[in-house]
Amino acid sequence: MEPEVLSGLIGFGGAVLGALIGGATSLIATKLTLNHQRDQAKEAHLLELGQAATDTALSELIANGEFLGSSGATR
């Protein structure tokens, strides 16, 4: 085999291998980014649920306090 052809094949093989490694690295980085975004969305959703539960409990406490205050005043 001619040295020029062999050199060209090695160069082409290196380019293909480099593209594969680059593509795999890009996919891994994308997966890590998506996992991080999913974790952040899950955390935000849990905070939102906690806030809604807190608001509901506070509203019920206020309503109960008003009820107990109004029923105690009529006695």
PDB file of N, CA and C in Angstrom:
ATOM      1  N   MET A   1       0.854  -1.173   0.000  1.00  0.00           N
ATOM      2  CA  MET A   1       0.000   0.000   0.000  1.00  0.00           C
ATOM      3  C   MET A   1       0.901   1.237   0.000  1.00  0.00           C
ATOM      4  N   GLU A   2       0.524   2.199  -0.767  1.00  0.00           N
ATOM      5  CA  GLU A   2       1.284   3.444  -0.882  1.00  0.00           C
ATOM      6  C   GLU A   2       1.258   4.196   0.447  1.00  0.00           C
ATOM      7  N   PRO A   3       2.314   4.868   0.830  1.00  0.00           N
ATOM      8  CA  PRO A   3       2.342   5.619   2.086  1.00  0.00           C
ATOM      9  C   PRO A   3       1.306   6.734   2.124  1.00  0.00           C
ATOM     10  N   GLU A   4       1.018   7.341   0.974  1.00  0.00           N
ATOM     11  CA  GLU A   4       0.039   8.413   0.946  1.00  0.00           C
ATOM     12  C   GLU A   4      -1.370   7.883   1.245  1.00  0.00           C
ATOM     13  N   VAL A   5      -1.690   6.727   0.699  1.00  0.00           N
ATOM     14  CA  VAL A   5      -2.998   6.125   0.916  1.00  0.00           C
ATOM     15  C   VAL A   5      -3.131   5.706   2.376  1.00  0.00           C
ATOM     16  N   LEU A   6      -2.076   5.073   2.888  1.00  0.00           N
ATOM     17  CA  LEU A   6      -2.080   4.652   4.284  1.00  0.00           C
ATOM     18  C   LEU A   6      -2.225   5.853   5.209  1.00  0.00           C
ATOM     19  N   SER A   7      -1.524   6.910   4.927  1.00  0.00           N
ATOM     20  CA  SER A   7      -1.617   8.128   5.728  1.00  0.00           C
ATOM     21  C   SER A   7      -3.025   8.719   5.662  1.00  0.00           C
ATOM     22  N   GLY A   8      -3.622   8.687   4.470  1.00  0.00           N
ATOM     23  CA  GLY A   8      -4.979   9.197   4.309  1.00  0.00           C
ATOM     24  C   GLY A   8      -5.986   8.363   5.085  1.00  0.00           C
ATOM     25  N   LEU A   9      -5.829   7.034   5.046  1.00  0.00           N
ATOM     26  CA  LEU A   9      -6.734   6.160   5.791  1.00  0.00           C
ATOM     27  C   LEU A   9      -6.602   6.363   7.294  1.00  0.00           C
ATOM     28  N   ILE A  10      -5.387   6.520   7.777  1.00  0.00           N
ATOM     29  CA  ILE A  10      -5.163   6.775   9.212  1.00  0.00           C
ATOM     30  C   ILE A  10      -5.781   8.117   9.600  1.00  0.00           C
ATOM     31  N   GLY A  11      -5.602   9.116   8.764  1.00  0.00           N
ATOM     32  CA  GLY A  11      -6.188  10.427   9.029  1.00  0.00           C
ATOM     33  C   GLY A  11      -7.713  10.372   9.043  1.00  0.00           C
ATOM     34  N   PHE A  12      -8.276   9.652   8.078  1.00  0.00           N
ATOM     35  CA  PHE A  12      -9.727   9.517   8.012  1.00  0.00           C
ATOM     36  C   PHE A  12     -10.250   8.747   9.228  1.00  0.00           C
ATOM     37  N   GLY A  13      -9.552   7.686   9.598  1.00  0.00           N
ATOM     38  CA  GLY A  13      -9.931   6.917  10.787  1.00  0.00           C
ATOM     39  C   GLY A  13      -9.877   7.766  12.040  1.00  0.00           C
ATOM     40  N   GLY A  14      -8.863   8.609  12.136  1.00  0.00           N
ATOM     41  CA  GLY A  14      -8.764   9.512  13.285  1.00  0.00           C
ATOM     42  C   GLY A  14      -9.900  10.514  13.311  1.00  0.00           C
ATOM     43  N   ALA A  15     -10.290  10.999  12.138  1.00  0.00           N
ATOM     44  CA  ALA A  15     -11.395  11.952  12.070  1.00  0.00           C
ATOM     45  C   ALA A  15     -12.708  11.287  12.482  1.00  0.00           C
ATOM     46  N   VAL A  16     -12.923  10.065  12.023  1.00  0.00           N
ATOM     47  CA  VAL A  16     -14.145   9.341  12.379  1.00  0.00           C
ATOM     48  C   VAL A  16     -14.157   9.058  13.879  1.00  0.00           C
ATOM     49  N   LEU A  17     -13.039   8.600  14.403  1.00  0.00           N
ATOM     50  CA  LEU A  17     -12.948   8.321  15.835  1.00  0.00           C
ATOM     51  C   LEU A  17     -13.156   9.603  16.646  1.00  0.00           C
ATOM     52  N   GLY A  18     -12.593  10.690  16.214  1.00  0.00           N
ATOM     53  CA  GLY A  18     -12.781  11.973  16.886  1.00  0.00           C
ATOM     54  C   GLY A  18     -14.238  12.411  16.871  1.00  0.00           C
ATOM     55  N   ALA A  19     -14.916  12.191  15.735  1.00  0.00           N
ATOM     56  CA  ALA A  19     -16.332  12.551  15.641  1.00  0.00           C
ATOM     57  C   ALA A  19     -17.170  11.685  16.578  1.00  0.00           C
ATOM     58  N   LEU A  20     -16.840  10.413  16.659  1.00  0.00           N
ATOM     59  CA  LEU A  20     -17.576   9.516  17.558  1.00  0.00           C
ATOM     60  C   LEU A  20     -17.382   9.913  19.018  1.00  0.00           C
ATOM     61  N   ILE A  21     -16.150  10.201  19.376  1.00  0.00           N
ATOM     62  CA  ILE A  21     -15.866  10.613  20.761  1.00  0.00           C
ATOM     63  C   ILE A  21     -16.557  11.938  21.061  1.00  0.00           C
ATOM     64  N   GLY A  22     -16.488  12.869  20.140  1.00  0.00           N
ATOM     65  CA  GLY A  22     -17.152  14.162  20.319  1.00  0.00           C
ATOM     66  C   GLY A  22     -18.661  14.013  20.435  1.00  0.00           C
ATOM     67  N   GLY A  23     -19.246  13.163  19.605  1.00  0.00           N
ATOM     68  CA  GLY A  23     -20.679  12.926  19.663  1.00  0.00           C
ATOM     69  C   GLY A  23     -21.097  12.282  20.972  1.00  0.00           C
ATOM     70  N   ALA A  24     -20.313  11.305  21.440  1.00  0.00           N
ATOM     71  CA  ALA A  24     -20.617  10.649  22.705  1.00  0.00           C
ATOM     72  C   ALA A  24     -20.508  11.631  23.865  1.00  0.00           C
ATOM     73  N   THR A  25     -19.501  12.474  23.823  1.00  0.00           N
ATOM     74  CA  THR A  25     -19.332  13.479  24.877  1.00  0.00           C
ATOM     75  C   THR A  25     -20.500  14.454  24.879  1.00  0.00           C
ATOM     76  N   SER A  26     -20.943  14.844  23.711  1.00  0.00           N
ATOM     77  CA  SER A  26     -22.080  15.752  23.600  1.00  0.00           C
ATOM     78  C   SER A  26     -23.350  15.108  24.147  1.00  0.00           C
ATOM     79  N   LEU A  27     -23.573  13.836  23.839  1.00  0.00           N
ATOM     80  CA  LEU A  27     -24.752  13.137  24.348  1.00  0.00           C
ATOM     81  C   LEU A  27     -24.722  13.019  25.868  1.00  0.00           C
ATOM     82  N   ILE A  28     -23.558  12.721  26.415  1.00  0.00           N
ATOM     83  CA  ILE A  28     -23.427  12.611  27.877  1.00  0.00           C
ATOM     84  C   ILE A  28     -23.698  13.963  28.531  1.00  0.00           C
ATOM     85  N   ALA A  29     -23.150  15.021  27.960  1.00  0.00           N
ATOM     86  CA  ALA A  29     -23.377  16.363  28.509  1.00  0.00           C
ATOM     87  C   ALA A  29     -24.852  16.736  28.443  1.00  0.00           C
ATOM     88  N   THR A  30     -25.509  16.396  27.350  1.00  0.00           N
ATOM     89  CA  THR A  30     -26.944  16.680  27.208  1.00  0.00           C
ATOM     90  C   THR A  30     -27.743  15.904  28.237  1.00  0.00           C
ATOM     91  N   LYS A  31     -27.397  14.641  28.446  1.00  0.00           N
ATOM     92  CA  LYS A  31     -28.105  13.819  29.434  1.00  0.00           C
ATOM     93  C   LYS A  31     -27.931  14.397  30.831  1.00  0.00           C
ATOM     94  N   LEU A  32     -26.716  14.803  31.167  1.00  0.00           N
ATOM     95  CA  LEU A  32     -26.466  15.390  32.483  1.00  0.00           C
ATOM     96  C   LEU A  32     -27.260  16.685  32.663  1.00  0.00           C
ATOM     97  N   THR A  33     -27.321  17.495  31.627  1.00  0.00           N
ATOM     98  CA  THR A  33     -28.078  18.748  31.694  1.00  0.00           C
ATOM     99  C   THR A  33     -29.562  18.471  31.885  1.00  0.00           C
ATOM    100  N   LEU A  34     -30.097  17.508  31.145  1.00  0.00           N
ATOM    101  CA  LEU A  34     -31.510  17.171  31.273  1.00  0.00           C
ATOM    102  C   LEU A  34     -31.828  16.600  32.653  1.00  0.00           C
ATOM    103  N   ASN A  35     -30.925  15.779  33.197  1.00  0.00           N
ATOM    104  CA  ASN A  35     -31.125  15.255  34.546  1.00  0.00           C
ATOM    105  C   ASN A  35     -31.144  16.383  35.567  1.00  0.00           C
ATOM    106  N   HIS A  36     -30.243  17.329  35.406  1.00  0.00           N
ATOM    107  CA  HIS A  36     -30.186  18.463  36.333  1.00  0.00           C
ATOM    108  C   HIS A  36     -31.467  19.294  36.236  1.00  0.00           C
ATOM    109  N   GLN A  37     -31.927  19.545  35.021  1.00  0.00           N
ATOM    110  CA  GLN A  37     -33.161  20.310  34.836  1.00  0.00           C
ATOM    111  C   GLN A  37     -34.359  19.567  35.418  1.00  0.00           C
ATOM    112  N   ARG A  38     -34.393  18.235  35.265  1.00  0.00           N
ATOM    113  CA  ARG A  38     -35.482  17.447  35.825  1.00  0.00           C
ATOM    114  C   ARG A  38     -35.465  17.527  37.348  1.00  0.00           C
ATOM    115  N   ASP A  39     -34.273  17.440  37.939  1.00  0.00           N
ATOM    116  CA  ASP A  39     -34.162  17.555  39.395  1.00  0.00           C
ATOM    117  C   ASP A  39     -34.626  18.927  39.883  1.00  0.00           C
ATOM    118  N   GLN A  40     -34.266  19.973  39.155  1.00  0.00           N
ATOM    119  CA  GLN A  40     -34.698  21.319  39.536  1.00  0.00           C
ATOM    120  C   GLN A  40     -36.210  21.463  39.417  1.00  0.00           C
ATOM    121  N   ALA A  41     -36.792  20.902  38.359  1.00  0.00           N
ATOM    122  CA  ALA A  41     -38.244  20.974  38.184  1.00  0.00           C
ATOM    123  C   ALA A  41     -38.958  20.200  39.288  1.00  0.00           C
ATOM    124  N   LYS A  42     -38.409  19.048  39.667  1.00  0.00           N
ATOM    125  CA  LYS A  42     -39.007  18.250  40.735  1.00  0.00           C
ATOM    126  C   LYS A  42     -38.950  19.017  42.055  1.00  0.00           C
ATOM    127  N   GLU A  43     -37.814  19.650  42.323  1.00  0.00           N
ATOM    128  CA  GLU A  43     -37.669  20.435  43.555  1.00  0.00           C
ATOM    129  C   GLU A  43     -38.653  21.607  43.571  1.00  0.00           C
ATOM    130  N   ALA A  44     -38.791  22.291  42.450  1.00  0.00           N
ATOM    131  CA  ALA A  44     -39.728  23.415  42.371  1.00  0.00           C
ATOM    132  C   ALA A  44     -41.159  22.940  42.573  1.00  0.00           C
ATOM    133  N   HIS A  45     -41.489  21.778  42.020  1.00  0.00           N
ATOM    134  CA  HIS A  45     -42.840  21.232  42.176  1.00  0.00           C
ATOM    135  C   HIS A  45     -43.104  20.882  43.646  1.00  0.00           C
ATOM    136  N   LEU A  46     -42.128  20.286  44.311  1.00  0.00           N
ATOM    137  CA  LEU A  46     -42.293  19.948  45.724  1.00  0.00           C
ATOM    138  C   LEU A  46     -42.442  21.198  46.582  1.00  0.00           C
ATOM    139  N   LEU A  47     -41.679  22.241  46.264  1.00  0.00           N
ATOM    140  CA  LEU A  47     -41.817  23.496  46.996  1.00  0.00           C
ATOM    141  C   LEU A  47     -43.205  24.096  46.783  1.00  0.00           C
ATOM    142  N   GLU A  48     -43.701  23.999  45.560  1.00  0.00           N
ATOM    143  CA  GLU A  48     -45.033  24.514  45.239  1.00  0.00           C
ATOM    144  C   GLU A  48     -46.108  23.735  46.007  1.00  0.00           C
ATOM    145  N   LEU A  49     -45.973  22.412  46.056  1.00  0.00           N
ATOM    146  CA  LEU A  49     -46.934  21.593  46.816  1.00  0.00           C
ATOM    147  C   LEU A  49     -46.883  21.925  48.300  1.00  0.00           C
ATOM    148  N   GLY A  50     -45.675  22.107  48.825  1.00  0.00           N
ATOM    149  CA  GLY A  50     -45.526  22.465  50.235  1.00  0.00           C
ATOM    150  C   GLY A  50     -46.150  23.811  50.542  1.00  0.00           C
ATOM    151  N   GLN A  51     -45.976  24.765  49.641  1.00  0.00           N
ATOM    152  CA  GLN A  51     -46.558  26.089  49.843  1.00  0.00           C
ATOM    153  C   GLN A  51     -48.081  26.020  49.810  1.00  0.00           C
ATOM    154  N   ALA A  52     -48.623  25.234  48.886  1.00  0.00           N
ATOM    155  CA  ALA A  52     -50.079  25.076  48.801  1.00  0.00           C
ATOM    156  C   ALA A  52     -50.625  24.424  50.068  1.00  0.00           C
ATOM    157  N   ALA A  53     -49.922  23.419  50.577  1.00  0.00           N
ATOM    158  CA  ALA A  53     -50.365  22.757  51.809  1.00  0.00           C
ATOM    159  C   ALA A  53     -50.299  23.717  52.990  1.00  0.00           C
ATOM    160  N   THR A  54     -49.251  24.533  53.041  1.00  0.00           N
ATOM    161  CA  THR A  54     -49.115  25.520  54.119  1.00  0.00           C
ATOM    162  C   THR A  54     -50.233  26.545  54.046  1.00  0.00           C
ATOM    163  N   ASP A  55     -50.521  27.032  52.845  1.00  0.00           N
ATOM    164  CA  ASP A  55     -51.598  28.010  52.678  1.00  0.00           C
ATOM    165  C   ASP A  55     -52.944  27.431  53.092  1.00  0.00           C
ATOM    166  N   THR A  56     -53.199  26.185  52.719  1.00  0.00           N
ATOM    167  CA  THR A  56     -54.458  25.531  53.077  1.00  0.00           C
ATOM    168  C   THR A  56     -54.569  25.380  54.593  1.00  0.00           C
ATOM    169  N   ALA A  57     -53.500  24.902  55.218  1.00  0.00           N
ATOM    170  CA  ALA A  57     -53.526  24.719  56.667  1.00  0.00           C
ATOM    171  C   ALA A  57     -53.724  26.052  57.386  1.00  0.00           C
ATOM    172  N   LEU A  58     -53.064  27.091  56.918  1.00  0.00           N
ATOM    173  CA  LEU A  58     -53.203  28.408  57.531  1.00  0.00           C
ATOM    174  C   LEU A  58     -54.632  28.936  57.367  1.00  0.00           C
ATOM    175  N   SER A  59     -55.201  28.759  56.192  1.00  0.00           N
ATOM    176  CA  SER A  59     -56.580  29.196  55.967  1.00  0.00           C
ATOM    177  C   SER A  59     -57.546  28.464  56.891  1.00  0.00           C
ATOM    178  N   GLU A  60     -57.334  27.163  57.053  1.00  0.00           N
ATOM    179  CA  GLU A  60     -58.195  26.389  57.943  1.00  0.00           C
ATOM    180  C   GLU A  60     -58.036  26.833  59.394  1.00  0.00           C
ATOM    181  N   LEU A  61     -56.817  27.124  59.814  1.00  0.00           N
ATOM    182  CA  LEU A  61     -56.594  27.609  61.181  1.00  0.00           C
ATOM    183  C   LEU A  61     -57.282  28.951  61.410  1.00  0.00           C
ATOM    184  N   ILE A  62     -57.186  29.824  60.444  1.00  0.00           N
ATOM    185  CA  ILE A  62     -57.839  31.129  60.557  1.00  0.00           C
ATOM    186  C   ILE A  62     -59.351  30.955  60.620  1.00  0.00           C
ATOM    187  N   ALA A  63     -59.895  30.101  59.749  1.00  0.00           N
ATOM    188  CA  ALA A  63     -61.342  29.867  59.742  1.00  0.00           C
ATOM    189  C   ALA A  63     -61.789  29.249  61.063  1.00  0.00           C
ATOM    190  N   ASN A  64     -61.031  28.298  61.590  1.00  0.00           N
ATOM    191  CA  ASN A  64     -61.374  27.679  62.869  1.00  0.00           C
ATOM    192  C   ASN A  64     -61.297  28.696  64.010  1.00  0.00           C
ATOM    193  N   GLY A  65     -60.282  29.548  63.956  1.00  0.00           N
ATOM    194  CA  GLY A  65     -60.153  30.586  64.974  1.00  0.00           C
ATOM    195  C   GLY A  65     -61.321  31.545  64.944  1.00  0.00           C
ATOM    196  N   GLU A  66     -61.736  31.921  63.734  1.00  0.00           N
ATOM    197  CA  GLU A  66     -62.892  32.814  63.604  1.00  0.00           C
ATOM    198  C   GLU A  66     -64.165  32.127  64.084  1.00  0.00           C
ATOM    199  N   PHE A  67     -64.316  30.851  63.765  1.00  0.00           N
ATOM    200  CA  PHE A  67     -65.499  30.109  64.200  1.00  0.00           C
ATOM    201  C   PHE A  67     -65.532  29.995  65.720  1.00  0.00           C
ATOM    202  N   LEU A  68     -64.391  29.640  66.283  1.00  0.00           N
ATOM    203  CA  LEU A  68     -64.345  29.507  67.746  1.00  0.00           C
ATOM    204  C   LEU A  68     -64.539  30.860  68.430  1.00  0.00           C
ATOM    205  N   GLY A  69     -64.016  31.902  67.835  1.00  0.00           N
ATOM    206  CA  GLY A  69     -64.197  33.249  68.395  1.00  0.00           C
ATOM    207  C   GLY A  69     -65.636  33.701  68.323  1.00  0.00           C
ATOM    208  N   SER A  70     -66.312  33.385  67.225  1.00  0.00           N
ATOM    209  CA  SER A  70     -67.712  33.827  67.084  1.00  0.00           C
ATOM    210  C   SER A  70     -68.633  32.968  67.945  1.00  0.00           C
ATOM    211  N   SER A  71     -68.342  31.690  68.095  1.00  0.00           N
ATOM    212  CA  SER A  71     -69.223  30.849  68.918  1.00  0.00           C
ATOM    213  C   SER A  71     -69.005  31.131  70.395  1.00  0.00           C
ATOM    214  N   GLY A  72     -67.819  31.552  70.787  1.00  0.00           N
ATOM    215  CA  GLY A  72     -67.553  31.904  72.189  1.00  0.00           C
ATOM    216  C   GLY A  72     -68.166  33.230  72.562  1.00  0.00           C
ATOM    217  N   ALA A  73     -68.358  34.116  71.612  1.00  0.00           N
ATOM    218  CA  ALA A  73     -68.913  35.430  71.898  1.00  0.00           C
ATOM    219  C   ALA A  73     -70.423  35.375  72.113  1.00  0.00           C
ATOM    220  N   THR A  74     -71.073  34.327  71.596  1.00  0.00           N
ATOM    221  CA  THR A  74     -72.524  34.247  71.742  1.00  0.00           C
ATOM    222  C   THR A  74     -72.949  33.638  73.058  1.00  0.00           C
ATOM    223  N   ARG A  75     -72.039  33.086  73.815  1.00  0.00           N
ATOM    224  CA  ARG A  75     -72.399  32.459  75.081  1.00  0.00           C
ATOM    225  C   ARG A  75     -72.515  33.447  76.191  1.00  0.00           C
TER     226      ARG A  75
END
